[in-house]
């Protein structure tokens, strides 16, 4: 059986925590920032965990994670 190919788009967007959970950054932070409140912009800076329901599906996209 051939090697599994990595989905490059997913590999660039996801990181793995030490416990094996997937981490992602939020969108909506590239432009039109004047309309967004400072609190909202500050919260968009931080990474968030991917829900447990989506983790198995996304781990298949990036096999080495």
PDB file of N, CA and C in Angstrom:
ATOM      1  N   UNK A   1       0.839  -1.181   0.000  1.00  0.00           N
ATOM      2  CA  UNK A   1       0.000   0.000   0.000  1.00  0.00           C
ATOM      3  C   UNK A   1       0.890   1.253   0.000  1.00  0.00           C
ATOM      4  N   UNK A   2       0.556   2.265  -0.823  1.00  0.00           N
ATOM      5  CA  UNK A   2       1.408   3.455  -0.888  1.00  0.00           C
ATOM      6  C   UNK A   2       1.296   4.296   0.384  1.00  0.00           C
ATOM      7  N   UNK A   3       2.254   5.198   0.522  1.00  0.00           N
ATOM      8  CA  UNK A   3       2.220   6.100   1.672  1.00  0.00           C
ATOM      9  C   UNK A   3       0.993   6.994   1.599  1.00  0.00           C
ATOM     10  N   UNK A   4       0.492   7.398   2.775  1.00  0.00           N
ATOM     11  CA  UNK A   4      -0.624   8.345   2.813  1.00  0.00           C
ATOM     12  C   UNK A   4      -0.090   9.738   2.535  1.00  0.00           C
ATOM     13  N   UNK A   5      -0.811  10.495   1.741  1.00  0.00           N
ATOM     14  CA  UNK A   5      -0.390  11.860   1.458  1.00  0.00           C
ATOM     15  C   UNK A   5      -0.975  12.804   2.493  1.00  0.00           C
ATOM     16  N   UNK A   6      -0.191  13.786   2.866  1.00  0.00           N
ATOM     17  CA  UNK A   6      -0.627  14.806   3.807  1.00  0.00           C
ATOM     18  C   UNK A   6      -1.388  15.878   3.056  1.00  0.00           C
ATOM     19  N   UNK A   7      -2.514  16.330   3.608  1.00  0.00           N
ATOM     20  CA  UNK A   7      -3.219  17.482   3.045  1.00  0.00           C
ATOM     21  C   UNK A   7      -2.468  18.720   3.506  1.00  0.00           C
ATOM     22  N   UNK A   8      -1.758  19.355   2.581  1.00  0.00           N
ATOM     23  CA  UNK A   8      -0.866  20.451   2.936  1.00  0.00           C
ATOM     24  C   UNK A   8      -1.613  21.628   3.558  1.00  0.00           C
ATOM     25  N   UNK A   9      -2.820  21.887   3.104  1.00  0.00           N
ATOM     26  CA  UNK A   9      -3.592  23.006   3.660  1.00  0.00           C
ATOM     27  C   UNK A   9      -3.850  22.783   5.146  1.00  0.00           C
ATOM     28  N   UNK A  10      -4.160  21.548   5.528  1.00  0.00           N
ATOM     29  CA  UNK A  10      -4.410  21.239   6.937  1.00  0.00           C
ATOM     30  C   UNK A  10      -3.118  21.287   7.739  1.00  0.00           C
ATOM     31  N   UNK A  11      -2.025  20.820   7.160  1.00  0.00           N
ATOM     32  CA  UNK A  11      -0.748  20.798   7.871  1.00  0.00           C
ATOM     33  C   UNK A  11      -0.272  22.202   8.215  1.00  0.00           C
ATOM     34  N   UNK A  12      -0.589  23.167   7.350  1.00  0.00           N
ATOM     35  CA  UNK A  12      -0.162  24.538   7.594  1.00  0.00           C
ATOM     36  C   UNK A  12      -1.012  25.217   8.660  1.00  0.00           C
ATOM     37  N   UNK A  13      -2.214  24.731   8.882  1.00  0.00           N
ATOM     38  CA  UNK A  13      -3.144  25.393   9.785  1.00  0.00           C
ATOM     39  C   UNK A  13      -3.242  24.767  11.167  1.00  0.00           C
ATOM     40  N   UNK A  14      -2.817  23.521  11.305  1.00  0.00           N
ATOM     41  CA  UNK A  14      -2.995  22.804  12.571  1.00  0.00           C
ATOM     42  C   UNK A  14      -1.671  22.543  13.262  1.00  0.00           C
ATOM     43  N   UNK A  15      -1.702  22.590  14.592  1.00  0.00           N
ATOM     44  CA  UNK A  15      -0.560  22.187  15.401  1.00  0.00           C
ATOM     45  C   UNK A  15      -1.099  21.200  16.439  1.00  0.00           C
ATOM     46  N   UNK A  16      -0.183  20.418  17.021  1.00  0.00           N
ATOM     47  CA  UNK A  16      -0.594  19.433  18.011  1.00  0.00           C
ATOM     48  C   UNK A  16      -0.063  19.849  19.375  1.00  0.00           C
ATOM     49  N   UNK A  17      -0.892  19.730  20.398  1.00  0.00           N
ATOM     50  CA  UNK A  17      -0.456  20.015  21.758  1.00  0.00           C
ATOM     51  C   UNK A  17       0.314  18.811  22.293  1.00  0.00           C
ATOM     52  N   UNK A  18       0.904  18.968  23.463  1.00  0.00           N
ATOM     53  CA  UNK A  18       1.681  17.881  24.061  1.00  0.00           C
ATOM     54  C   UNK A  18       0.807  16.673  24.377  1.00  0.00           C
ATOM     55  N   UNK A  19      -0.473  16.917  24.677  1.00  0.00           N
ATOM     56  CA  UNK A  19      -1.368  15.803  24.998  1.00  0.00           C
ATOM     57  C   UNK A  19      -1.998  15.192  23.752  1.00  0.00           C
ATOM     58  N   UNK A  20      -1.687  15.726  22.562  1.00  0.00           N
ATOM     59  CA  UNK A  20      -2.167  15.138  21.324  1.00  0.00           C
ATOM     60  C   UNK A  20      -3.415  15.774  20.750  1.00  0.00           C
ATOM     61  N   UNK A  21      -3.906  16.844  21.375  1.00  0.00           N
ATOM     62  CA  UNK A  21      -5.084  17.528  20.834  1.00  0.00           C
ATOM     63  C   UNK A  21      -4.651  18.464  19.716  1.00  0.00           C
ATOM     64  N   UNK A  22      -5.586  18.813  18.839  1.00  0.00           N
ATOM     65  CA  UNK A  22      -5.282  19.712  17.730  1.00  0.00           C
ATOM     66  C   UNK A  22      -5.628  21.142  18.111  1.00  0.00           C
ATOM     67  N   UNK A  23      -4.776  22.059  17.637  1.00  0.00           N
ATOM     68  CA  UNK A  23      -4.920  23.470  17.946  1.00  0.00           C
ATOM     69  C   UNK A  23      -5.031  24.233  16.634  1.00  0.00           C
ATOM     70  N   UNK A  24      -5.814  25.308  16.622  1.00  0.00           N
ATOM     71  CA  UNK A  24      -5.974  26.109  15.410  1.00  0.00           C
ATOM     72  C   UNK A  24      -6.078  27.576  15.782  1.00  0.00           C
ATOM     73  N   UNK A  25      -5.818  28.441  14.813  1.00  0.00           N
ATOM     74  CA  UNK A  25      -6.007  29.872  15.007  1.00  0.00           C
ATOM     75  C   UNK A  25      -7.336  30.273  14.392  1.00  0.00           C
ATOM     76  N   UNK A  26      -7.928  31.323  14.923  1.00  0.00           N
ATOM     77  CA  UNK A  26      -9.220  31.810  14.429  1.00  0.00           C
ATOM     78  C   UNK A  26      -9.036  32.582  13.142  1.00  0.00           C
ATOM     79  N   UNK A  27     -10.086  32.651  12.372  1.00  0.00           N
ATOM     80  CA  UNK A  27     -10.106  33.485  11.188  1.00  0.00           C
ATOM     81  C   UNK A  27     -10.640  34.867  11.541  1.00  0.00           C
ATOM     82  N   UNK A  28     -11.094  35.609  10.550  1.00  0.00           N
ATOM     83  CA  UNK A  28     -11.741  36.915  10.727  1.00  0.00           C
ATOM     84  C   UNK A  28     -10.793  37.967  11.297  1.00  0.00           C
ATOM     85  N   UNK A  29      -9.496  37.858  11.035  1.00  0.00           N
ATOM     86  CA  UNK A  29      -8.576  38.841  11.606  1.00  0.00           C
ATOM     87  C   UNK A  29      -7.652  39.434  10.551  1.00  0.00           C
ATOM     88  N   UNK A  30      -8.031  39.414   9.287  1.00  0.00           N
ATOM     89  CA  UNK A  30      -7.119  39.902   8.265  1.00  0.00           C
ATOM     90  C   UNK A  30      -7.406  41.339   7.843  1.00  0.00           C
ATOM     91  N   UNK A  31      -8.650  41.757   7.868  1.00  0.00           N
ATOM     92  CA  UNK A  31      -8.962  43.133   7.454  1.00  0.00           C
ATOM     93  C   UNK A  31     -10.269  43.567   8.100  1.00  0.00           C
ATOM     94  N   UNK A  32     -10.647  44.814   7.883  1.00  0.00           N
ATOM     95  CA  UNK A  32     -11.845  45.427   8.489  1.00  0.00           C
ATOM     96  C   UNK A  32     -11.785  45.347  10.014  1.00  0.00           C
ATOM     97  N   UNK A  33     -10.605  45.634  10.574  1.00  0.00           N
ATOM     98  CA  UNK A  33     -10.429  45.491  12.012  1.00  0.00           C
ATOM     99  C   UNK A  33     -10.971  46.683  12.791  1.00  0.00           C
ATOM    100  N   UNK A  34     -11.159  47.824  12.121  1.00  0.00           N
ATOM    101  CA  UNK A  34     -11.675  48.996  12.836  1.00  0.00           C
ATOM    102  C   UNK A  34     -13.072  48.752  13.360  1.00  0.00           C
ATOM    103  N   UNK A  35     -13.838  47.957  12.654  1.00  0.00           N
ATOM    104  CA  UNK A  35     -15.223  47.704  13.055  1.00  0.00           C
ATOM    105  C   UNK A  35     -15.317  46.722  14.214  1.00  0.00           C
ATOM    106  N   UNK A  36     -14.261  45.968  14.450  1.00  0.00           N
ATOM    107  CA  UNK A  36     -14.284  44.962  15.512  1.00  0.00           C
ATOM    108  C   UNK A  36     -13.779  45.587  16.813  1.00  0.00           C
ATOM    109  N   UNK A  37     -14.381  45.193  17.901  1.00  0.00           N
ATOM    110  CA  UNK A  37     -14.000  45.774  19.196  1.00  0.00           C
ATOM    111  C   UNK A  37     -12.617  45.273  19.605  1.00  0.00           C
ATOM    112  N   UNK A  38     -11.903  46.050  20.436  1.00  0.00           N
ATOM    113  CA  UNK A  38     -10.576  45.611  20.891  1.00  0.00           C
ATOM    114  C   UNK A  38     -10.623  44.268  21.610  1.00  0.00           C
ATOM    115  N   UNK A  39     -11.675  44.035  22.365  1.00  0.00           N
ATOM    116  CA  UNK A  39     -11.806  42.762  23.077  1.00  0.00           C
ATOM    117  C   UNK A  39     -11.898  41.602  22.088  1.00  0.00           C
ATOM    118  N   UNK A  40     -12.672  41.802  21.032  1.00  0.00           N
ATOM    119  CA  UNK A  40     -12.832  40.757  20.015  1.00  0.00           C
ATOM    120  C   UNK A  40     -11.522  40.501  19.277  1.00  0.00           C
ATOM    121  N   UNK A  41     -10.794  41.585  18.939  1.00  0.00           N
ATOM    122  CA  UNK A  41      -9.518  41.429  18.250  1.00  0.00           C
ATOM    123  C   UNK A  41      -8.505  40.702  19.132  1.00  0.00           C
ATOM    124  N   UNK A  42      -8.520  41.008  20.415  1.00  0.00           N
ATOM    125  CA  UNK A  42      -7.607  40.373  21.355  1.00  0.00           C
ATOM    126  C   UNK A  42      -7.893  38.881  21.457  1.00  0.00           C
ATOM    127  N   UNK A  43      -9.170  38.515  21.482  1.00  0.00           N
ATOM    128  CA  UNK A  43      -9.539  37.099  21.577  1.00  0.00           C
ATOM    129  C   UNK A  43      -9.225  36.340  20.296  1.00  0.00           C
ATOM    130  N   UNK A  44      -9.241  37.027  19.151  1.00  0.00           N
ATOM    131  CA  UNK A  44      -8.924  36.377  17.877  1.00  0.00           C
ATOM    132  C   UNK A  44      -7.436  36.065  17.746  1.00  0.00           C
ATOM    133  N   UNK A  45      -6.591  36.729  18.550  1.00  0.00           N
ATOM    134  CA  UNK A  45      -5.153  36.463  18.513  1.00  0.00           C
ATOM    135  C   UNK A  45      -4.820  35.065  19.007  1.00  0.00           C
ATOM    136  N   UNK A  46      -5.581  34.598  19.972  1.00  0.00           N
ATOM    137  CA  UNK A  46      -5.235  33.355  20.649  1.00  0.00           C
ATOM    138  C   UNK A  46      -5.684  32.134  19.852  1.00  0.00           C
ATOM    139  N   UNK A  47      -4.946  31.065  20.013  1.00  0.00           N
ATOM    140  CA  UNK A  47      -5.311  29.802  19.372  1.00  0.00           C
ATOM    141  C   UNK A  47      -6.387  29.114  20.208  1.00  0.00           C
ATOM    142  N   UNK A  48      -7.177  28.268  19.565  1.00  0.00           N
ATOM    143  CA  UNK A  48      -8.191  27.512  20.295  1.00  0.00           C
ATOM    144  C   UNK A  48      -8.085  26.048  19.904  1.00  0.00           C
ATOM    145  N   UNK A  49      -8.627  25.196  20.746  1.00  0.00           N
ATOM    146  CA  UNK A  49      -8.593  23.759  20.478  1.00  0.00           C
ATOM    147  C   UNK A  49      -9.725  23.375  19.549  1.00  0.00           C
ATOM    148  N   UNK A  50      -9.483  22.370  18.746  1.00  0.00           N
ATOM    149  CA  UNK A  50     -10.521  21.831  17.869  1.00  0.00           C
ATOM    150  C   UNK A  50     -11.379  20.891  18.697  1.00  0.00           C
ATOM    151  N   UNK A  51     -12.676  20.900  18.468  1.00  0.00           N
ATOM    152  CA  UNK A  51     -13.580  20.090  19.280  1.00  0.00           C
ATOM    153  C   UNK A  51     -13.255  18.602  19.145  1.00  0.00           C
ATOM    154  N   UNK A  52     -13.579  17.867  20.179  1.00  0.00           N
ATOM    155  CA  UNK A  52     -13.265  16.432  20.220  1.00  0.00           C
ATOM    156  C   UNK A  52     -13.970  15.682  19.108  1.00  0.00           C
ATOM    157  N   UNK A  53     -15.149  16.157  18.696  1.00  0.00           N
ATOM    158  CA  UNK A  53     -15.903  15.489  17.635  1.00  0.00           C
ATOM    159  C   UNK A  53     -15.198  15.596  16.283  1.00  0.00           C
ATOM    160  N   UNK A  54     -14.470  16.686  16.055  1.00  0.00           N
ATOM    161  CA  UNK A  54     -13.801  16.894  14.767  1.00  0.00           C
ATOM    162  C   UNK A  54     -12.380  16.338  14.725  1.00  0.00           C
ATOM    163  N   UNK A  55     -11.808  16.017  15.871  1.00  0.00           N
ATOM    164  CA  UNK A  55     -10.405  15.598  15.906  1.00  0.00           C
ATOM    165  C   UNK A  55     -10.098  14.362  15.063  1.00  0.00           C
ATOM    166  N   UNK A  56     -10.877  13.272  15.137  1.00  0.00           N
ATOM    167  CA  UNK A  56     -10.529  12.091  14.320  1.00  0.00           C
ATOM    168  C   UNK A  56     -10.525  12.385  12.823  1.00  0.00           C
ATOM    169  N   UNK A  57     -11.474  13.204  12.373  1.00  0.00           N
ATOM    170  CA  UNK A  57     -11.574  13.539  10.957  1.00  0.00           C
ATOM    171  C   UNK A  57     -10.371  14.365  10.509  1.00  0.00           C
ATOM    172  N   UNK A  58      -9.941  15.309  11.332  1.00  0.00           N
ATOM    173  CA  UNK A  58      -8.823  16.163  10.946  1.00  0.00           C
ATOM    174  C   UNK A  58      -7.481  15.473  11.108  1.00  0.00           C
ATOM    175  N   UNK A  59      -7.376  14.497  12.009  1.00  0.00           N
ATOM    176  CA  UNK A  59      -6.110  13.766  12.151  1.00  0.00           C
ATOM    177  C   UNK A  59      -5.826  12.902  10.931  1.00  0.00           C
ATOM    178  N   UNK A  60      -6.870  12.503  10.215  1.00  0.00           N
ATOM    179  CA  UNK A  60      -6.663  11.719   8.985  1.00  0.00           C
ATOM    180  C   UNK A  60      -6.048  12.579   7.876  1.00  0.00           C
ATOM    181  N   UNK A  61      -6.309  13.875   7.902  1.00  0.00           N
ATOM    182  CA  UNK A  61      -5.775  14.757   6.867  1.00  0.00           C
ATOM    183  C   UNK A  61      -4.258  14.932   6.999  1.00  0.00           C
ATOM    184  N   UNK A  62      -3.784  14.860   8.250  1.00  0.00           N
ATOM    185  CA  UNK A  62      -2.356  15.033   8.497  1.00  0.00           C
ATOM    186  C   UNK A  62      -1.892  13.816   9.306  1.00  0.00           C
ATOM    187  N   UNK A  63      -1.498  12.748   8.641  1.00  0.00           N
ATOM    188  CA  UNK A  63      -1.231  11.472   9.309  1.00  0.00           C
ATOM    189  C   UNK A  63      -0.124  11.527  10.350  1.00  0.00           C
ATOM    190  N   UNK A  64       0.899  12.370  10.151  1.00  0.00           N
ATOM    191  CA  UNK A  64       2.030  12.359  11.073  1.00  0.00           C
ATOM    192  C   UNK A  64       1.741  13.136  12.351  1.00  0.00           C
ATOM    193  N   UNK A  65       0.618  13.854  12.422  1.00  0.00           N
ATOM    194  CA  UNK A  65       0.310  14.610  13.651  1.00  0.00           C
ATOM    195  C   UNK A  65      -0.166  13.694  14.743  1.00  0.00           C
TER     196      UNK A  65
END
